[in-house]
Amino acid sequence: MSNYSKAEKHLHKLYLSNYFLSKSSLELEEIIHGNKAKQTPIEEYVFITGLARSGTTALMNKIFTTEEYASLQYSNMPILLSPNLWNKKLKIAKHERAHKDGIIIDGNSPEEFDEYFWKVFLNDSYIKDGLLPHEVDEKVLAKYLTYVSLICHSKGKQKYISKNNNNILRLSSLNKIQGSKIIILFRDPLSHASSLMKLHKSFSENQKDDPFVLDYFNYLGHHEFGLGHKPFLLTDNFINNKDRYTPEDLNYWLQIWINYYDYLLANFDDNWMVVSFEDLIEEPNKVYDHLKANLNINAPLTSDHKHIPTKYKDISCNIDLKERALKIYDRLCNIKAY
């Protein structure tokens, strides 16, 4: 983002803030490429989700390296709803992403850009002072499948993968898609909350220095942290108590964690695959073997290097919140299928 020229920043604003223009660009895509895209059936839809900082990006990147799946990539920015007409127009050199977590990206890297589709076609109806869970109208879901077919056509693939932390809001709708596979990641709540708070502070400072970073995240529906932070409004307990702490307090992020995974467990489907961040770090091949057995992956899926996450020591928090979070964490650990 910091490497974007003024012209590129203006292009982002022009397109991403204009939903009429975005919808029109998708209509043009359908006119030109729709019939060809429909001729190639999509065999599998893989949706990776989880609270931010749970390893969702790392897992998507690993599966994407098999070269068997289509996904939106940085090269599709900012004309996201025209994957064929705008494919690989924006060139991005390799660099560490803004999260400063060791993940290197370039124009070919996949990212959770399909949230922009939901923003446009749901007209931000689920974004208030927080993000609201919702059922997707059948017409909008059908339009999404058309959009995905265009993405797959542009990449020459018959399988689709998406990492989108906001998909917790619409999992029941995505679950209706024939051939869908849903993978959910979770992490030890104390280190997870610490990581979220650390990144919130970092992005808040960054966005003060460069307002375009805030605009960029808001355009794409990324409200996990930073000045544009909006929490998921999933459970009554969280909604009633979310103002008890500020985002500068670790207890706030522990509430965020409890809210997310308590809701997930209350709406859990046995067909969903649950993956522990700790297992992904410590026993990656065990996780990959499980995923390979449940996804239509033909290429090898093995660990090539060991990621060393930040260690958080002397974590102090509200005892009641800690106990609630650890009980939920134990339940998540117990429903793993590998």
Protein backbone atom coordinates (compact mmCIF):
# COMPACT_ATOMS: atom_id res chain seq x y z
CA MET A 1 0.00 0.00 0.00
CA SER A 2 2.79 2.41 0.84
CA ASN A 3 4.33 1.68 -2.57
CA TYR A 4 1.22 2.71 -4.48
CA SER A 5 1.55 5.82 -6.65
CA LYS A 6 -0.94 8.69 -6.38
CA ALA A 7 -2.57 7.49 -9.61
CA GLU A 8 -2.97 3.96 -8.21
CA LYS A 9 -4.47 5.30 -4.98
CA HIS A 10 -6.95 7.41 -6.96
CA LEU A 11 -7.89 4.35 -9.03
CA HIS A 12 -8.55 2.37 -5.85
CA LYS A 13 -10.80 5.11 -4.51
CA LEU A 14 -12.62 5.60 -7.82
CA TYR A 15 -13.49 1.93 -8.23
CA LEU A 16 -13.78 0.54 -4.71
CA SER A 17 -15.98 3.37 -3.40
CA ASN A 18 -18.36 3.29 -6.38
CA TYR A 19 -20.69 0.31 -6.14
CA PHE A 20 -22.55 1.22 -9.33
CA LEU A 21 -19.27 1.12 -11.24
CA SER A 22 -18.31 -2.16 -9.57
CA LYS A 23 -21.60 -3.85 -10.44
CA SER A 24 -21.35 -2.56 -14.01
CA SER A 25 -17.86 -4.04 -14.36
CA LEU A 26 -19.19 -7.46 -13.27
CA GLU A 27 -22.06 -7.19 -15.75
CA LEU A 28 -19.51 -6.50 -18.51
CA GLU A 29 -17.52 -9.54 -17.38
CA GLU A 30 -20.64 -11.70 -17.65
CA ILE A 31 -21.42 -10.41 -21.14
CA ILE A 32 -17.93 -11.08 -22.45
CA HIS A 33 -16.82 -14.15 -20.48
CA GLY A 34 -19.96 -15.53 -18.81
CA ASN A 35 -20.85 -18.24 -21.33
CA LYS A 36 -17.31 -19.64 -21.44
CA ALA A 37 -17.06 -19.58 -17.64
CA LYS A 38 -20.30 -21.56 -17.32
CA GLN A 39 -18.96 -24.28 -19.60
CA THR A 40 -16.36 -25.29 -17.00
CA PRO A 41 -18.02 -26.68 -13.85
CA ILE A 42 -16.35 -25.92 -10.53
CA GLU A 43 -15.46 -29.11 -8.67
CA GLU A 44 -14.79 -27.70 -5.21
CA TYR A 45 -15.18 -24.51 -3.21
CA VAL A 46 -12.83 -24.22 -0.22
CA PHE A 47 -13.66 -21.52 2.33
CA ILE A 48 -11.03 -20.86 5.02
CA THR A 49 -12.10 -18.70 7.94
CA GLY A 50 -11.27 -17.96 11.55
CA LEU A 51 -10.60 -14.97 13.75
CA ALA A 52 -7.71 -12.88 12.36
CA ARG A 53 -4.25 -14.02 13.53
CA SER A 54 -5.28 -17.69 13.67
CA GLY A 55 -3.18 -18.83 10.68
CA THR A 56 -5.79 -18.50 7.94
CA THR A 57 -3.46 -16.74 5.49
CA ALA A 58 -0.64 -19.21 6.01
CA LEU A 59 -2.97 -22.16 5.42
CA MET A 60 -4.49 -20.64 2.29
CA ASN A 61 -1.03 -19.87 0.91
CA LYS A 62 0.03 -23.47 1.50
CA ILE A 63 -2.97 -24.94 -0.34
CA PHE A 64 -2.63 -22.33 -3.09
CA THR A 65 0.93 -23.49 -3.79
CA THR A 66 -0.49 -26.74 -5.19
CA GLU A 67 -1.53 -24.60 -8.21
CA GLU A 68 -4.83 -26.45 -8.31
CA TYR A 69 -7.06 -23.64 -7.01
CA ALA A 70 -8.16 -20.28 -8.31
CA SER A 71 -8.36 -17.31 -5.96
CA LEU A 72 -8.40 -13.55 -6.14
CA GLN A 73 -4.83 -12.26 -6.01
CA TYR A 74 -3.17 -8.92 -5.39
CA SER A 75 -2.83 -8.53 -9.15
CA ASN A 76 -6.63 -8.33 -9.32
CA MET A 77 -6.63 -5.13 -7.29
CA PRO A 78 -8.43 -2.81 -7.46
CA ILE A 79 -10.84 -3.85 -10.25
CA LEU A 80 -11.94 -6.86 -8.23
CA LEU A 81 -15.22 -7.64 -9.97
CA SER A 82 -13.56 -7.94 -13.38
CA PRO A 83 -11.11 -10.82 -12.90
CA ASN A 84 -10.76 -11.47 -16.65
CA LEU A 85 -10.67 -7.91 -17.95
CA TRP A 86 -8.24 -6.71 -15.28
CA ASN A 87 -6.16 -9.83 -14.64
CA LYS A 88 -2.56 -9.06 -13.65
CA LYS A 89 -2.67 -5.36 -14.45
CA LEU A 90 -1.26 -4.20 -11.10
CA LYS A 91 2.36 -5.28 -10.62
CA ILE A 92 3.49 -5.69 -7.01
CA ALA A 93 7.07 -6.59 -6.07
CA LYS A 94 7.75 -9.09 -3.29
CA HIS A 95 7.61 -7.58 0.19
CA GLU A 96 6.51 -8.40 3.73
CA ARG A 97 2.82 -7.64 4.19
CA ALA A 98 1.73 -4.76 6.44
CA HIS A 99 1.06 -7.14 9.35
CA LYS A 100 4.85 -7.56 9.79
CA ASP A 101 4.39 -11.28 10.46
CA GLY A 102 6.93 -12.69 8.04
CA ILE A 103 4.42 -13.47 5.28
CA ILE A 104 5.85 -12.33 1.94
CA ILE A 105 3.43 -11.21 -0.77
CA ASP A 106 3.56 -10.10 -4.39
CA GLY A 107 1.09 -9.71 -7.23
CA ASN A 108 0.54 -13.48 -7.40
CA SER A 109 -0.32 -13.89 -3.71
CA PRO A 110 -3.93 -14.80 -2.89
CA GLU A 111 -5.86 -12.67 -0.42
CA GLU A 112 -9.37 -12.26 1.04
CA PHE A 113 -10.63 -9.85 -1.59
CA ASP A 114 -13.98 -11.54 -2.22
CA GLU A 115 -15.41 -9.73 0.82
CA TYR A 116 -15.71 -6.77 -1.54
CA PHE A 117 -18.35 -8.70 -3.50
CA TRP A 118 -20.49 -9.06 -0.37
CA LYS A 119 -20.08 -5.37 0.47
CA VAL A 120 -21.25 -4.36 -3.00
CA PHE A 121 -24.17 -6.75 -3.45
CA LEU A 122 -25.39 -6.50 0.14
CA ASN A 123 -24.84 -2.74 0.00
CA ASP A 124 -22.99 -2.77 3.34
CA SER A 125 -26.25 -3.71 5.06
CA TYR A 126 -24.40 -5.94 7.55
CA ILE A 127 -21.88 -3.24 8.53
CA LYS A 128 -23.12 -0.97 11.32
CA ASP A 129 -21.19 -0.16 14.50
CA GLY A 130 -20.14 -3.79 14.20
CA LEU A 131 -20.50 -6.63 11.68
CA LEU A 132 -23.79 -8.52 11.75
CA PRO A 133 -24.40 -12.19 10.87
CA HIS A 134 -26.78 -12.66 7.95
CA GLU A 135 -28.42 -15.12 5.58
CA VAL A 136 -27.58 -14.41 1.95
CA ASP A 137 -30.50 -13.99 -0.44
CA GLU A 138 -30.65 -16.75 -3.08
CA LYS A 139 -30.24 -14.27 -5.94
CA VAL A 140 -27.13 -12.76 -4.37
CA LEU A 141 -25.70 -16.22 -3.65
CA ALA A 142 -26.31 -17.18 -7.29
CA LYS A 143 -24.55 -14.00 -8.40
CA TYR A 144 -21.63 -14.90 -6.14
CA LEU A 145 -21.34 -18.32 -7.79
CA THR A 146 -21.30 -16.60 -11.17
CA TYR A 147 -18.53 -14.33 -9.91
CA VAL A 148 -16.53 -17.30 -8.64
CA SER A 149 -16.92 -19.04 -12.01
CA LEU A 150 -15.46 -15.95 -13.68
CA ILE A 151 -12.53 -15.98 -11.27
CA CYS A 152 -11.88 -19.66 -12.01
CA HIS A 153 -12.16 -19.02 -15.74
CA SER A 154 -9.62 -16.20 -15.50
CA LYS A 155 -7.13 -18.49 -13.76
CA GLY A 156 -7.87 -21.61 -15.82
CA LYS A 157 -8.88 -23.66 -12.76
CA GLN A 158 -11.86 -25.80 -11.73
CA LYS A 159 -11.44 -25.41 -7.98
CA TYR A 160 -11.79 -22.26 -5.90
CA ILE A 161 -10.23 -21.25 -2.58
CA SER A 162 -11.06 -18.24 -0.46
CA LYS A 163 -9.70 -17.06 2.87
CA ASN A 164 -12.13 -14.60 4.42
CA ASN A 165 -12.31 -13.97 8.16
CA ASN A 166 -15.70 -12.26 7.69
CA ASN A 167 -17.29 -15.47 6.40
CA ILE A 168 -18.24 -16.31 10.01
CA LEU A 169 -21.13 -13.92 9.26
CA ARG A 170 -22.56 -16.09 6.46
CA LEU A 171 -21.31 -19.64 7.01
CA SER A 172 -24.79 -21.15 6.83
CA SER A 173 -25.27 -19.67 3.34
CA LEU A 174 -21.86 -20.82 2.09
CA ASN A 175 -22.62 -24.24 3.52
CA LYS A 176 -25.49 -24.55 1.02
CA ILE A 177 -23.14 -24.40 -1.97
CA GLN A 178 -22.75 -27.82 -3.53
CA GLY A 179 -19.10 -28.87 -3.30
CA SER A 180 -18.24 -26.43 -0.52
CA LYS A 181 -15.63 -27.33 2.09
CA ILE A 182 -15.30 -25.09 5.14
CA ILE A 183 -12.10 -24.94 7.20
CA ILE A 184 -12.06 -23.03 10.49
CA LEU A 185 -8.91 -22.11 12.41
CA PHE A 186 -8.57 -21.30 16.08
CA ARG A 187 -5.72 -20.42 18.43
CA ASP A 188 -4.91 -20.43 22.14
CA PRO A 189 -7.07 -17.52 23.37
CA LEU A 190 -4.45 -15.70 25.47
CA SER A 191 -1.77 -15.56 22.77
CA HIS A 192 -4.46 -14.91 20.16
CA ALA A 193 -5.89 -11.94 22.06
CA SER A 194 -2.35 -10.62 22.64
CA SER A 195 -1.57 -10.85 18.93
CA LEU A 196 -4.79 -9.03 18.00
CA MET A 197 -4.11 -6.22 20.47
CA LYS A 198 -0.52 -5.85 19.25
CA LEU A 199 -1.64 -5.59 15.63
CA HIS A 200 -4.48 -3.21 16.51
CA LYS A 201 -1.99 -0.79 18.04
CA SER A 202 0.43 -1.17 15.13
CA PHE A 203 -2.20 -0.59 12.44
CA SER A 204 -3.74 2.32 14.33
CA GLU A 205 -0.39 4.12 14.32
CA ASN A 206 0.22 3.21 10.68
CA GLN A 207 -3.21 4.53 9.64
CA LYS A 208 -2.62 7.79 11.46
CA ASP A 209 0.55 8.28 9.41
CA ASP A 210 -1.00 7.15 6.13
CA PRO A 211 -4.80 7.64 5.84
CA PHE A 212 -4.87 5.60 2.61
CA VAL A 213 -4.14 2.46 4.64
CA LEU A 214 -7.36 3.08 6.61
CA ASP A 215 -9.32 3.76 3.41
CA TYR A 216 -7.89 0.59 1.85
CA PHE A 217 -9.02 -1.60 4.75
CA ASN A 218 -12.45 0.03 4.88
CA TYR A 219 -12.95 -0.39 1.12
CA LEU A 220 -12.28 -4.12 1.46
CA GLY A 221 -14.32 -4.70 4.62
CA HIS A 222 -11.32 -5.45 6.87
CA HIS A 223 -12.36 -4.16 10.28
CA GLU A 224 -10.50 -6.65 12.46
CA PHE A 225 -8.16 -4.03 13.94
CA GLY A 226 -6.89 -0.48 13.46
CA LEU A 227 -8.74 2.83 13.42
CA GLY A 228 -11.56 1.30 11.40
CA HIS A 229 -12.08 -1.58 13.83
CA LYS A 230 -15.62 -2.92 14.08
CA PRO A 231 -16.25 -6.09 16.11
CA PHE A 232 -18.35 -9.04 15.05
CA LEU A 233 -21.74 -8.69 16.76
CA LEU A 234 -22.42 -12.40 17.18
CA THR A 235 -23.57 -13.14 20.72
CA ASP A 236 -25.85 -11.31 23.14
CA ASN A 237 -23.25 -11.58 25.87
CA PHE A 238 -20.69 -9.72 23.81
CA ILE A 239 -23.15 -7.12 22.52
CA ASN A 240 -24.23 -6.34 26.08
CA ASN A 241 -20.69 -6.16 27.46
CA LYS A 242 -18.53 -4.95 24.55
CA ASP A 243 -18.08 -1.49 26.07
CA ARG A 244 -16.77 -2.88 29.35
CA TYR A 245 -13.20 -2.63 28.04
CA THR A 246 -11.47 -0.55 25.36
CA PRO A 247 -9.42 -2.00 22.46
CA GLU A 248 -6.31 -0.90 24.34
CA ASP A 249 -7.10 -3.53 26.99
CA LEU A 250 -6.27 -7.22 26.49
CA ASN A 251 -9.61 -8.16 28.05
CA TYR A 252 -11.41 -6.52 25.12
CA TRP A 253 -9.67 -8.85 22.68
CA LEU A 254 -10.35 -11.82 24.93
CA GLN A 255 -14.05 -10.86 24.71
CA ILE A 256 -13.65 -10.72 20.91
CA TRP A 257 -12.21 -14.24 20.95
CA ILE A 258 -14.99 -15.65 23.18
CA ASN A 259 -17.66 -13.94 21.07
CA TYR A 260 -16.32 -15.44 17.82
CA TYR A 261 -15.77 -19.03 18.90
CA ASP A 262 -18.76 -19.28 21.23
CA TYR A 263 -20.94 -18.31 18.26
CA LEU A 264 -19.13 -20.78 16.04
CA LEU A 265 -19.73 -23.67 18.43
CA ALA A 266 -23.40 -22.71 18.84
CA ASN A 267 -23.87 -22.92 15.06
CA PHE A 268 -21.41 -25.71 14.31
CA ASP A 269 -21.84 -28.13 11.42
CA ASP A 270 -20.15 -31.53 11.70
CA ASN A 271 -18.97 -31.28 8.09
CA TRP A 272 -16.72 -28.33 8.88
CA MET A 273 -13.01 -28.98 9.38
CA VAL A 274 -11.47 -27.43 12.49
CA VAL A 275 -7.73 -26.73 12.59
CA SER A 276 -5.64 -25.60 15.56
CA PHE A 277 -3.04 -22.88 15.00
CA GLU A 278 -0.76 -24.68 17.43
CA ASP A 279 -1.01 -27.90 15.40
CA LEU A 280 -0.37 -25.97 12.20
CA ILE A 281 2.86 -24.67 13.75
CA GLU A 282 4.02 -27.75 15.67
CA GLU A 283 2.63 -30.65 13.59
CA PRO A 284 1.93 -29.17 10.15
CA ASN A 285 2.17 -32.43 8.21
CA LYS A 286 -0.45 -33.99 10.48
CA VAL A 287 -2.80 -31.13 9.58
CA TYR A 288 -1.92 -31.30 5.88
CA ASP A 289 -2.53 -35.06 5.75
CA HIS A 290 -5.99 -34.50 7.22
CA LEU A 291 -6.82 -31.73 4.76
CA LYS A 292 -5.49 -33.66 1.80
CA ALA A 293 -7.73 -36.58 2.76
CA ASN A 294 -10.77 -34.30 2.85
CA LEU A 295 -10.06 -31.96 -0.07
CA ASN A 296 -9.63 -32.80 -3.75
CA ILE A 297 -5.89 -32.08 -3.71
CA ASN A 298 -3.70 -34.11 -6.04
CA ALA A 299 -0.32 -32.45 -5.45
CA PRO A 300 1.85 -33.11 -2.37
CA LEU A 301 1.04 -30.98 0.66
CA THR A 302 3.95 -30.94 3.10
CA SER A 303 5.69 -28.48 5.38
CA ASP A 304 8.73 -26.71 3.92
CA HIS A 305 9.68 -24.50 6.88
CA LYS A 306 8.75 -24.00 10.50
CA HIS A 307 7.09 -20.71 11.45
CA ILE A 308 8.01 -19.37 14.89
CA PRO A 309 5.20 -17.18 16.23
CA THR A 310 5.72 -14.44 18.80
CA LYS A 311 5.77 -15.68 22.39
CA TYR A 312 3.65 -13.70 24.82
CA LYS A 313 4.79 -13.90 28.44
CA ASP A 314 3.21 -12.81 31.70
CA ILE A 315 -0.24 -12.34 30.19
CA SER A 316 -2.55 -10.72 32.73
CA CYS A 317 -6.31 -10.69 32.20
CA ASN A 318 -9.71 -11.04 33.85
CA ILE A 319 -9.88 -14.49 35.49
CA ASP A 320 -13.53 -15.12 34.55
CA LEU A 321 -12.87 -14.27 30.89
CA LYS A 322 -9.79 -16.47 30.90
CA GLU A 323 -11.71 -19.44 32.29
CA ARG A 324 -14.55 -19.00 29.77
CA ALA A 325 -12.10 -18.75 26.91
CA LEU A 326 -10.13 -21.83 27.95
CA LYS A 327 -13.31 -23.90 28.23
CA ILE A 328 -14.24 -22.92 24.67
CA TYR A 329 -10.68 -23.67 23.54
CA ASP A 330 -10.90 -27.16 25.08
CA ARG A 331 -14.18 -27.78 23.24
CA LEU A 332 -12.59 -26.74 19.95
CA CYS A 333 -9.64 -29.03 20.58
CA ASN A 334 -12.01 -31.91 21.24
CA ILE A 335 -13.87 -31.58 17.93
CA LYS A 336 -10.73 -31.77 15.78
CA ALA A 337 -10.95 -34.78 13.50
CA TYR A 338 -7.23 -35.46 13.06
